[in-house]
Amino acid sequence: MEFTSQDGEQHWRDVLAVLDRTVVGLDFDGTLAPIVDDPEAAGIHPDAHDALVALAPHVAAVAVITGRPAAQVIELGHLEDLADRLAAAGTELYLFGQYGNERWRGSTRDIDTPEPPERLQEFVHALPDLLDTHDADGAFVEEKGLAVAVHTRRLAEPEAAFDRLLEPLTELAEEHDLGVEPGRNVVEVRAPGVHKGDAVAEIAEALDARGFVFAGDDLGDVEAMRQLDELAAQGLATLKVASASREQQALVELADIVVKGPDGVVDLLTRLAADAAER
């Protein structure tokens, strides 16, 4: 891993000093799970569970904060099994799905989710004509309940298709009073409002945290990083981790540490647990 902010190493030490009251927050795709062509075929890194279980006795909580639907991440990440192992090690697993619109925790296993807005379904109905008009009718449309994602990764020229679709998708979303979140060869459309920063603020306040570590890889994680800056201004120890890739460098300038994808995230969690055990 590489410390990239001026005070990155100090932030690491500050978090270690209050680790027992620190929340470890993690994005899913690109952070805990490698990016794959088929979003439904994604899977959590094979060593992620063990790394988090090793860290569990030293932290206040673990939170997965993702744009995916909660039920999907529970399945893809085997989070019920992880929740059991974390509980046995002394900590709770929280899940915020669809950018914080959905909530789940390991001790209750119930998903709290609101109803999707009607205007989102109207947007979905208009999508086929738009994709056909812009020579992208082979794009994969993923309906998430509270959001819809248009993936270009399966197309012959995914980057060109993404560039071609971003503006018309944004215009169509705005016509339906919806927000747009560009990502790695994906454009996600959802009702504006809740974002990952809100989830960070919510769990930090609920647990009276004194520290917060967050790792993410994409534009949807920017608000979470910015919320860590707000928490730092309130006196919390914070550590911002970018899971970097060749596709998306936007988070690097915000981060204290840059790691190489999910492998690097797992290594960082392992090192954090080892440093905590030595204290």
C-alpha atoms as a PDB file:
ATOM      1  CA  MET A   1       0.000   0.000   0.000  1.00  0.00           C
ATOM      2  CA  GLU A   2       1.091   3.571  -0.618  1.00  0.00           C
ATOM      3  CA  PHE A   3       0.520   6.552   1.669  1.00  0.00           C
ATOM      4  CA  THR A   4      -0.548   9.343  -0.657  1.00  0.00           C
ATOM      5  CA  SER A   5      -1.719  12.190   1.563  1.00  0.00           C
ATOM      6  CA  GLN A   6       0.754  14.360   3.440  1.00  0.00           C
ATOM      7  CA  ASP A   7      -0.496  13.064   6.785  1.00  0.00           C
ATOM      8  CA  GLY A   8      -1.389   9.514   5.705  1.00  0.00           C
ATOM      9  CA  GLU A   9       0.997   7.735   8.064  1.00  0.00           C
ATOM     10  CA  GLN A  10      -0.177   9.881  10.970  1.00  0.00           C
ATOM     11  CA  HIS A  11      -3.789   9.052  10.120  1.00  0.00           C
ATOM     12  CA  TRP A  12      -2.897   5.358  10.302  1.00  0.00           C
ATOM     13  CA  ARG A  13      -1.406   5.819  13.771  1.00  0.00           C
ATOM     14  CA  ASP A  14      -4.357   7.937  14.913  1.00  0.00           C
ATOM     15  CA  VAL A  15      -6.844   5.272  13.846  1.00  0.00           C
ATOM     16  CA  LEU A  16      -4.843   2.554  15.590  1.00  0.00           C
ATOM     17  CA  ALA A  17      -4.990   4.572  18.813  1.00  0.00           C
ATOM     18  CA  VAL A  18      -8.817   4.465  18.820  1.00  0.00           C
ATOM     19  CA  LEU A  19      -9.371   1.273  16.839  1.00  0.00           C
ATOM     20  CA  ASP A  20     -11.713  -0.251  19.423  1.00  0.00           C
ATOM     21  CA  ARG A  21     -14.116   2.624  18.721  1.00  0.00           C
ATOM     22  CA  THR A  22     -13.516   2.729  14.973  1.00  0.00           C
ATOM     23  CA  VAL A  23     -15.924   1.670  12.229  1.00  0.00           C
ATOM     24  CA  VAL A  24     -14.408  -0.013   9.180  1.00  0.00           C
ATOM     25  CA  GLY A  25     -16.533   0.832   6.129  1.00  0.00           C
ATOM     26  CA  LEU A  26     -16.077  -0.872   2.777  1.00  0.00           C
ATOM     27  CA  ASP A  27     -17.569  -0.603  -0.677  1.00  0.00           C
ATOM     28  CA  PHE A  28     -18.313  -3.941  -2.367  1.00  0.00           C
ATOM     29  CA  ASP A  29     -17.540  -3.948  -6.116  1.00  0.00           C
ATOM     30  CA  GLY A  30     -13.922  -3.073  -6.825  1.00  0.00           C
ATOM     31  CA  THR A  31     -13.110  -2.997  -3.119  1.00  0.00           C
ATOM     32  CA  LEU A  32     -14.187  -6.269  -1.509  1.00  0.00           C
ATOM     33  CA  ALA A  33     -15.017  -7.938  -4.831  1.00  0.00           C
ATOM     34  CA  PRO A  34     -13.134  -7.819  -8.148  1.00  0.00           C
ATOM     35  CA  ILE A  35     -14.882  -6.049 -11.017  1.00  0.00           C
ATOM     36  CA  VAL A  36     -16.278  -8.558 -13.542  1.00  0.00           C
ATOM     37  CA  ASP A  37     -18.100  -8.241 -16.866  1.00  0.00           C
ATOM     38  CA  ASP A  38     -21.327  -9.697 -15.455  1.00  0.00           C
ATOM     39  CA  PRO A  39     -22.359  -7.859 -12.252  1.00  0.00           C
ATOM     40  CA  GLU A  40     -24.474 -10.831 -11.212  1.00  0.00           C
ATOM     41  CA  ALA A  41     -21.392 -13.075 -11.285  1.00  0.00           C
ATOM     42  CA  ALA A  42     -19.343 -10.961  -8.873  1.00  0.00           C
ATOM     43  CA  GLY A  43     -17.981 -12.581  -5.737  1.00  0.00           C
ATOM     44  CA  ILE A  44     -16.248 -11.385  -2.610  1.00  0.00           C
ATOM     45  CA  HIS A  45     -12.456 -11.777  -2.465  1.00  0.00           C
ATOM     46  CA  PRO A  46     -11.646 -15.284  -1.179  1.00  0.00           C
ATOM     47  CA  ASP A  47      -9.575 -13.933   1.718  1.00  0.00           C
ATOM     48  CA  ALA A  48     -11.853 -11.036   2.690  1.00  0.00           C
ATOM     49  CA  HIS A  49     -13.815 -12.951   5.327  1.00  0.00           C
ATOM     50  CA  ASP A  50     -10.686 -14.145   7.108  1.00  0.00           C
ATOM     51  CA  ALA A  51      -9.135 -10.668   7.035  1.00  0.00           C
ATOM     52  CA  LEU A  52     -12.255  -9.078   8.524  1.00  0.00           C
ATOM     53  CA  VAL A  53     -12.610 -11.776  11.183  1.00  0.00           C
ATOM     54  CA  ALA A  54      -8.985 -11.186  12.233  1.00  0.00           C
ATOM     55  CA  LEU A  55      -9.735  -7.472  12.521  1.00  0.00           C
ATOM     56  CA  ALA A  56     -13.084  -7.908  14.282  1.00  0.00           C
ATOM     57  CA  PRO A  57     -11.859  -8.114  17.911  1.00  0.00           C
ATOM     58  CA  HIS A  58     -10.105  -4.768  17.521  1.00  0.00           C
ATOM     59  CA  VAL A  59     -12.874  -2.594  15.968  1.00  0.00           C
ATOM     60  CA  ALA A  60     -16.303  -1.239  16.873  1.00  0.00           C
ATOM     61  CA  ALA A  61     -18.071  -2.507  13.749  1.00  0.00           C
ATOM     62  CA  VAL A  62     -17.713  -3.472  10.105  1.00  0.00           C
ATOM     63  CA  ALA A  63     -20.022  -1.837   7.550  1.00  0.00           C
ATOM     64  CA  VAL A  64     -20.436  -2.691   3.876  1.00  0.00           C
ATOM     65  CA  ILE A  65     -21.717   0.412   2.056  1.00  0.00           C
ATOM     66  CA  THR A  66     -22.684  -0.326  -1.536  1.00  0.00           C
ATOM     67  CA  GLY A  67     -24.756   0.836  -4.458  1.00  0.00           C
ATOM     68  CA  ARG A  68     -26.050  -2.692  -4.981  1.00  0.00           C
ATOM     69  CA  PRO A  69     -29.328  -3.962  -3.491  1.00  0.00           C
ATOM     70  CA  ALA A  70     -28.768  -5.329  -0.011  1.00  0.00           C
ATOM     71  CA  ALA A  71     -30.209  -8.779  -0.771  1.00  0.00           C
ATOM     72  CA  GLN A  72     -27.849  -9.203  -3.715  1.00  0.00           C
ATOM     73  CA  VAL A  73     -24.752  -8.296  -1.698  1.00  0.00           C
ATOM     74  CA  ILE A  74     -25.786 -10.595   1.146  1.00  0.00           C
ATOM     75  CA  GLU A  75     -25.817 -13.451  -1.367  1.00  0.00           C
ATOM     76  CA  LEU A  76     -22.739 -12.517  -3.415  1.00  0.00           C
ATOM     77  CA  GLY A  77     -20.677 -11.717  -0.342  1.00  0.00           C
ATOM     78  CA  HIS A  78     -21.963 -14.584   1.824  1.00  0.00           C
ATOM     79  CA  LEU A  79     -22.630 -11.919   4.429  1.00  0.00           C
ATOM     80  CA  GLU A  80     -24.798 -14.037   6.704  1.00  0.00           C
ATOM     81  CA  ASP A  81     -21.851 -16.385   7.212  1.00  0.00           C
ATOM     82  CA  LEU A  82     -19.540 -13.417   7.684  1.00  0.00           C
ATOM     83  CA  ALA A  83     -21.925 -11.860  10.207  1.00  0.00           C
ATOM     84  CA  ASP A  84     -21.876 -15.066  12.266  1.00  0.00           C
ATOM     85  CA  ARG A  85     -18.088 -15.170  12.267  1.00  0.00           C
ATOM     86  CA  LEU A  86     -17.766 -11.488  13.140  1.00  0.00           C
ATOM     87  CA  ALA A  87     -20.278 -11.854  15.979  1.00  0.00           C
ATOM     88  CA  ALA A  88     -18.291 -14.779  17.377  1.00  0.00           C
ATOM     89  CA  ALA A  89     -15.187 -12.565  17.222  1.00  0.00           C
ATOM     90  CA  GLY A  90     -16.948  -9.749  19.049  1.00  0.00           C
ATOM     91  CA  THR A  91     -18.309  -7.267  16.523  1.00  0.00           C
ATOM     92  CA  GLU A  92     -21.378  -6.544  14.388  1.00  0.00           C
ATOM     93  CA  LEU A  93     -21.725  -6.467  10.600  1.00  0.00           C
ATOM     94  CA  TYR A  94     -23.835  -3.684   9.094  1.00  0.00           C
ATOM     95  CA  LEU A  95     -24.910  -3.392   5.466  1.00  0.00           C
ATOM     96  CA  PHE A  96     -26.124  -0.248   3.722  1.00  0.00           C
ATOM     97  CA  GLY A  97     -27.508  -1.136   0.291  1.00  0.00           C
ATOM     98  CA  GLN A  98     -28.413   1.141  -2.608  1.00  0.00           C
ATOM     99  CA  TYR A  99     -26.227   3.963  -1.266  1.00  0.00           C
ATOM    100  CA  GLY A 100     -27.808   3.813   2.194  1.00  0.00           C
ATOM    101  CA  ASN A 101     -31.456   3.554   1.182  1.00  0.00           C
ATOM    102  CA  GLU A 102     -31.494  -0.033   2.485  1.00  0.00           C
ATOM    103  CA  ARG A 103     -30.269  -1.210   5.889  1.00  0.00           C
ATOM    104  CA  TRP A 104     -29.438  -4.657   7.255  1.00  0.00           C
ATOM    105  CA  ARG A 105     -27.450  -5.919  10.212  1.00  0.00           C
ATOM    106  CA  GLY A 106     -26.136  -9.320  11.098  1.00  0.00           C
ATOM    107  CA  SER A 107     -27.935  -9.574  14.424  1.00  0.00           C
ATOM    108  CA  THR A 108     -31.435  -9.067  12.977  1.00  0.00           C
ATOM    109  CA  ARG A 109     -31.191 -10.244   9.331  1.00  0.00           C
ATOM    110  CA  ASP A 110     -34.095  -7.999   8.224  1.00  0.00           C
ATOM    111  CA  ILE A 111     -33.723  -5.660   5.219  1.00  0.00           C
ATOM    112  CA  ASP A 112     -35.300  -2.245   5.676  1.00  0.00           C
ATOM    113  CA  THR A 113     -36.065  -0.850   2.214  1.00  0.00           C
ATOM    114  CA  PRO A 114     -38.364   1.915   0.908  1.00  0.00           C
ATOM    115  CA  GLU A 115     -40.687   1.687  -2.096  1.00  0.00           C
ATOM    116  CA  PRO A 116     -39.138   2.704  -5.457  1.00  0.00           C
ATOM    117  CA  PRO A 117     -40.462   5.927  -7.008  1.00  0.00           C
ATOM    118  CA  GLU A 118     -42.853   5.588  -9.976  1.00  0.00           C
ATOM    119  CA  ARG A 119     -40.723   7.922 -12.079  1.00  0.00           C
ATOM    120  CA  LEU A 120     -37.897   5.383 -11.983  1.00  0.00           C
ATOM    121  CA  GLN A 121     -40.098   2.799 -13.690  1.00  0.00           C
ATOM    122  CA  GLU A 122     -41.088   5.403 -16.278  1.00  0.00           C
ATOM    123  CA  PHE A 123     -37.377   5.912 -16.972  1.00  0.00           C
ATOM    124  CA  VAL A 124     -36.910   2.149 -17.403  1.00  0.00           C
ATOM    125  CA  HIS A 125     -39.751   2.002 -19.924  1.00  0.00           C
ATOM    126  CA  ALA A 126     -38.054   4.714 -22.012  1.00  0.00           C
ATOM    127  CA  LEU A 127     -34.641   3.012 -21.997  1.00  0.00           C
ATOM    128  CA  PRO A 128     -34.979   0.562 -24.928  1.00  0.00           C
ATOM    129  CA  ASP A 129     -35.647   3.329 -27.447  1.00  0.00           C
ATOM    130  CA  LEU A 130     -32.735   5.385 -26.123  1.00  0.00           C
ATOM    131  CA  LEU A 131     -30.308   2.465 -26.279  1.00  0.00           C
ATOM    132  CA  ASP A 132     -31.433   1.553 -29.782  1.00  0.00           C
ATOM    133  CA  THR A 133     -31.053   5.156 -30.964  1.00  0.00           C
ATOM    134  CA  HIS A 134     -27.464   5.291 -29.696  1.00  0.00           C
ATOM    135  CA  ASP A 135     -26.379   1.894 -31.052  1.00  0.00           C
ATOM    136  CA  ALA A 136     -26.204   0.308 -27.610  1.00  0.00           C
ATOM    137  CA  ASP A 137     -29.148  -2.062 -27.511  1.00  0.00           C
ATOM    138  CA  GLY A 138     -26.795  -4.783 -26.258  1.00  0.00           C
ATOM    139  CA  ALA A 139     -26.045  -2.888 -23.051  1.00  0.00           C
ATOM    140  CA  PHE A 140     -26.974  -4.762 -19.883  1.00  0.00           C
ATOM    141  CA  VAL A 141     -29.733  -3.018 -17.932  1.00  0.00           C
ATOM    142  CA  GLU A 142     -29.662  -3.939 -14.247  1.00  0.00           C
ATOM    143  CA  GLU A 143     -32.815  -3.054 -12.323  1.00  0.00           C
ATOM    144  CA  LYS A 144     -31.961  -2.665  -8.640  1.00  0.00           C
ATOM    145  CA  GLY A 145     -35.339  -1.706  -7.250  1.00  0.00           C
ATOM    146  CA  LEU A 146     -34.394   1.798  -6.139  1.00  0.00           C
ATOM    147  CA  ALA A 147     -32.033   2.380  -9.064  1.00  0.00           C
ATOM    148  CA  VAL A 148     -31.275   1.177 -12.565  1.00  0.00           C
ATOM    149  CA  ALA A 149     -27.781   0.684 -13.967  1.00  0.00           C
ATOM    150  CA  VAL A 150     -26.842   0.637 -17.642  1.00  0.00           C
ATOM    151  CA  HIS A 151     -23.640  -1.380 -18.100  1.00  0.00           C
ATOM    152  CA  THR A 152     -21.548  -1.074 -21.264  1.00  0.00           C
ATOM    153  CA  ARG A 153     -18.867  -3.560 -20.196  1.00  0.00           C
ATOM    154  CA  ARG A 154     -20.330  -6.362 -22.335  1.00  0.00           C
ATOM    155  CA  LEU A 155     -20.332  -4.291 -25.533  1.00  0.00           C
ATOM    156  CA  ALA A 156     -17.580  -4.536 -28.158  1.00  0.00           C
ATOM    157  CA  GLU A 157     -16.236  -1.060 -27.316  1.00  0.00           C
ATOM    158  CA  PRO A 158     -17.388  -0.417 -23.736  1.00  0.00           C
ATOM    159  CA  GLU A 159     -15.581   2.890 -23.187  1.00  0.00           C
ATOM    160  CA  ALA A 160     -16.866   4.387 -26.438  1.00  0.00           C
ATOM    161  CA  ALA A 161     -20.395   3.211 -25.669  1.00  0.00           C
ATOM    162  CA  PHE A 162     -20.194   4.719 -22.188  1.00  0.00           C
ATOM    163  CA  ASP A 163     -19.102   8.078 -23.621  1.00  0.00           C
ATOM    164  CA  ARG A 164     -21.882   7.898 -26.203  1.00  0.00           C
ATOM    165  CA  LEU A 165     -24.596   7.119 -23.649  1.00  0.00           C
ATOM    166  CA  LEU A 166     -23.696   9.344 -20.716  1.00  0.00           C
ATOM    167  CA  GLU A 167     -25.234  12.561 -22.044  1.00  0.00           C
ATOM    168  CA  PRO A 168     -28.530  11.128 -23.358  1.00  0.00           C
ATOM    169  CA  LEU A 169     -28.988   9.018 -20.219  1.00  0.00           C
ATOM    170  CA  THR A 170     -28.390  12.102 -18.093  1.00  0.00           C
ATOM    171  CA  GLU A 171     -30.945  14.072 -20.095  1.00  0.00           C
ATOM    172  CA  LEU A 172     -33.543  11.308 -19.789  1.00  0.00           C
ATOM    173  CA  ALA A 173     -32.895  11.010 -16.060  1.00  0.00           C
ATOM    174  CA  GLU A 174     -33.306  14.741 -15.551  1.00  0.00           C
ATOM    175  CA  GLU A 175     -36.632  14.624 -17.412  1.00  0.00           C
ATOM    176  CA  HIS A 176     -37.821  12.203 -14.718  1.00  0.00           C
ATOM    177  CA  ASP A 177     -36.244  14.104 -11.796  1.00  0.00           C
ATOM    178  CA  LEU A 178     -33.669  11.385 -11.226  1.00  0.00           C
ATOM    179  CA  GLY A 179     -29.979  11.588 -10.379  1.00  0.00           C
ATOM    180  CA  VAL A 180     -27.082  10.097 -12.361  1.00  0.00           C
ATOM    181  CA  GLU A 181     -23.988   8.367 -10.965  1.00  0.00           C
ATOM    182  CA  PRO A 182     -21.343   7.482 -13.595  1.00  0.00           C
ATOM    183  CA  GLY A 183     -18.997   4.629 -12.746  1.00  0.00           C
ATOM    184  CA  ARG A 184     -16.690   2.106 -14.405  1.00  0.00           C
ATOM    185  CA  ASN A 185     -18.423   1.532 -17.738  1.00  0.00           C
ATOM    186  CA  VAL A 186     -21.764   1.938 -15.997  1.00  0.00           C
ATOM    187  CA  VAL A 187     -24.280   4.746 -15.626  1.00  0.00           C
ATOM    188  CA  GLU A 188     -26.523   4.399 -12.601  1.00  0.00           C
ATOM    189  CA  VAL A 189     -29.777   6.328 -12.324  1.00  0.00           C
ATOM    190  CA  ARG A 190     -31.658   6.727  -9.048  1.00  0.00           C
ATOM    191  CA  ALA A 191     -33.801   9.102  -7.080  1.00  0.00           C
ATOM    192  CA  PRO A 192     -31.634  11.936  -5.743  1.00  0.00           C
ATOM    193  CA  GLY A 193     -31.091  12.278  -2.031  1.00  0.00           C
ATOM    194  CA  VAL A 194     -29.359   9.583   0.009  1.00  0.00           C
ATOM    195  CA  HIS A 195     -25.698   8.821  -0.739  1.00  0.00           C
ATOM    196  CA  LYS A 196     -22.892   6.848   0.874  1.00  0.00           C
ATOM    197  CA  GLY A 197     -21.808   9.833   2.932  1.00  0.00           C
ATOM    198  CA  ASP A 198     -25.164   9.737   4.707  1.00  0.00           C
ATOM    199  CA  ALA A 199     -24.593   6.088   5.595  1.00  0.00           C
ATOM    200  CA  VAL A 200     -21.145   6.929   6.994  1.00  0.00           C
ATOM    201  CA  ALA A 201     -22.566   9.751   9.110  1.00  0.00           C
ATOM    202  CA  GLU A 202     -25.453   7.597  10.338  1.00  0.00           C
ATOM    203  CA  ILE A 203     -23.399   4.689  11.620  1.00  0.00           C
ATOM    204  CA  ALA A 204     -20.677   6.921  13.064  1.00  0.00           C
ATOM    205  CA  GLU A 205     -23.292   8.758  15.125  1.00  0.00           C
ATOM    206  CA  ALA A 206     -25.237   5.629  16.090  1.00  0.00           C
ATOM    207  CA  LEU A 207     -22.129   3.912  17.470  1.00  0.00           C
ATOM    208  CA  ASP A 208     -20.557   7.077  18.906  1.00  0.00           C
ATOM    209  CA  ALA A 209     -17.460   6.241  16.876  1.00  0.00           C
ATOM    210  CA  ARG A 210     -14.105   7.871  17.565  1.00  0.00           C
ATOM    211  CA  GLY A 211     -12.599   6.697  14.294  1.00  0.00           C
ATOM    212  CA  PHE A 212     -13.649   5.706  10.782  1.00  0.00           C
ATOM    213  CA  VAL A 213     -11.830   3.842   8.013  1.00  0.00           C
ATOM    214  CA  PHE A 214     -13.440   3.790   4.584  1.00  0.00           C
ATOM    215  CA  ALA A 215     -12.269   2.011   1.431  1.00  0.00           C
ATOM    216  CA  GLY A 216     -13.830   2.584  -1.987  1.00  0.00           C
ATOM    217  CA  ASP A 217     -12.937   2.543  -5.651  1.00  0.00           C
ATOM    218  CA  ASP A 218     -15.382   4.601  -7.701  1.00  0.00           C
ATOM    219  CA  LEU A 219     -17.203   7.914  -8.057  1.00  0.00           C
ATOM    220  CA  GLY A 220     -20.058   6.688  -5.877  1.00  0.00           C
ATOM    221  CA  ASP A 221     -17.586   6.611  -2.976  1.00  0.00           C
ATOM    222  CA  VAL A 222     -16.630  10.283  -3.207  1.00  0.00           C
ATOM    223  CA  GLU A 223     -19.389  11.387  -0.821  1.00  0.00           C
ATOM    224  CA  ALA A 224     -18.240   8.827   1.733  1.00  0.00           C
ATOM    225  CA  MET A 225     -14.693  10.193   1.515  1.00  0.00           C
ATOM    226  CA  ARG A 226     -15.982  13.735   1.937  1.00  0.00           C
ATOM    227  CA  GLN A 227     -18.000  12.681   4.963  1.00  0.00           C
ATOM    228  CA  LEU A 228     -14.810  11.343   6.523  1.00  0.00           C
ATOM    229  CA  ASP A 229     -13.383  14.841   6.143  1.00  0.00           C
ATOM    230  CA  GLU A 230     -16.425  16.132   8.048  1.00  0.00           C
ATOM    231  CA  LEU A 231     -15.874  13.541  10.768  1.00  0.00           C
ATOM    232  CA  ALA A 232     -12.210  14.520  10.983  1.00  0.00           C
ATOM    233  CA  ALA A 233     -13.248  18.145  11.491  1.00  0.00           C
ATOM    234  CA  GLN A 234     -15.353  16.911  14.426  1.00  0.00           C
ATOM    235  CA  GLY A 235     -12.296  15.281  15.978  1.00  0.00           C
ATOM    236  CA  LEU A 236     -12.572  11.691  14.758  1.00  0.00           C
ATOM    237  CA  ALA A 237      -9.544   9.762  13.534  1.00  0.00           C
ATOM    238  CA  THR A 238     -10.097   8.907   9.873  1.00  0.00           C
ATOM    239  CA  LEU A 239      -8.371   6.918   7.156  1.00  0.00           C
ATOM    240  CA  LYS A 240      -9.442   7.137   3.496  1.00  0.00           C
ATOM    241  CA  VAL A 241      -8.411   4.228   1.283  1.00  0.00           C
ATOM    242  CA  ALA A 242      -8.633   4.168  -2.521  1.00  0.00           C
ATOM    243  CA  SER A 243      -8.823   0.766  -4.163  1.00  0.00           C
ATOM    244  CA  ALA A 244      -7.197   1.949  -7.367  1.00  0.00           C
ATOM    245  CA  SER A 245      -7.488   0.605 -10.890  1.00  0.00           C
ATOM    246  CA  ARG A 246      -6.565   1.691 -14.387  1.00  0.00           C
ATOM    247  CA  GLU A 247     -10.235   2.505 -15.029  1.00  0.00           C
ATOM    248  CA  GLN A 248     -10.919   5.013 -12.282  1.00  0.00           C
ATOM    249  CA  GLN A 249      -8.449   7.349 -10.606  1.00  0.00           C
ATOM    250  CA  ALA A 250     -10.916   9.878  -9.197  1.00  0.00           C
ATOM    251  CA  LEU A 251     -10.560   8.801  -5.565  1.00  0.00           C
ATOM    252  CA  VAL A 252      -6.776   8.767  -5.467  1.00  0.00           C
ATOM    253  CA  GLU A 253      -6.441  12.496  -4.833  1.00  0.00           C
ATOM    254  CA  LEU A 254      -8.896  12.214  -1.916  1.00  0.00           C
ATOM    255  CA  ALA A 255      -7.222   9.223  -0.287  1.00  0.00           C
ATOM    256  CA  ASP A 256      -4.645   8.812   2.469  1.00  0.00           C
ATOM    257  CA  ILE A 257      -3.672   5.370   1.182  1.00  0.00           C
ATOM    258  CA  VAL A 258      -3.862   3.799  -2.278  1.00  0.00           C
ATOM    259  CA  VAL A 259      -3.959   0.019  -2.656  1.00  0.00           C
ATOM    260  CA  LYS A 260      -4.142  -2.218  -5.726  1.00  0.00           C
ATOM    261  CA  GLY A 261      -7.736  -3.382  -5.951  1.00  0.00           C
ATOM    262  CA  PRO A 262      -9.393  -5.965  -3.693  1.00  0.00           C
ATOM    263  CA  ASP A 263      -6.071  -7.783  -3.172  1.00  0.00           C
ATOM    264  CA  GLY A 264      -4.663  -4.576  -1.736  1.00  0.00           C
ATOM    265  CA  VAL A 265      -7.734  -3.973   0.414  1.00  0.00           C
ATOM    266  CA  VAL A 266      -7.422  -7.430   1.959  1.00  0.00           C
ATOM    267  CA  ASP A 267      -3.709  -6.843   2.585  1.00  0.00           C
ATOM    268  CA  LEU A 268      -4.503  -3.520   4.273  1.00  0.00           C
ATOM    269  CA  LEU A 269      -7.129  -5.110   6.542  1.00  0.00           C
ATOM    270  CA  THR A 270      -4.654  -7.846   7.430  1.00  0.00           C
ATOM    271  CA  ARG A 271      -1.944  -5.327   8.272  1.00  0.00           C
ATOM    272  CA  LEU A 272      -4.356  -3.247  10.347  1.00  0.00           C
ATOM    273  CA  ALA A 273      -5.270  -6.337  12.373  1.00  0.00           C
ATOM    274  CA  ALA A 274      -1.596  -7.256  12.814  1.00  0.00           C
ATOM    275  CA  ASP A 275      -0.645  -3.749  13.950  1.00  0.00           C
ATOM    276  CA  ALA A 276      -3.571  -3.743  16.385  1.00  0.00           C
ATOM    277  CA  ALA A 277      -2.523  -7.095  17.840  1.00  0.00           C
ATOM    278  CA  GLU A 278       0.962  -5.735  18.531  1.00  0.00           C
ATOM    279  CA  ARG A 279      -0.292  -2.769  20.553  1.00  0.00           C
END
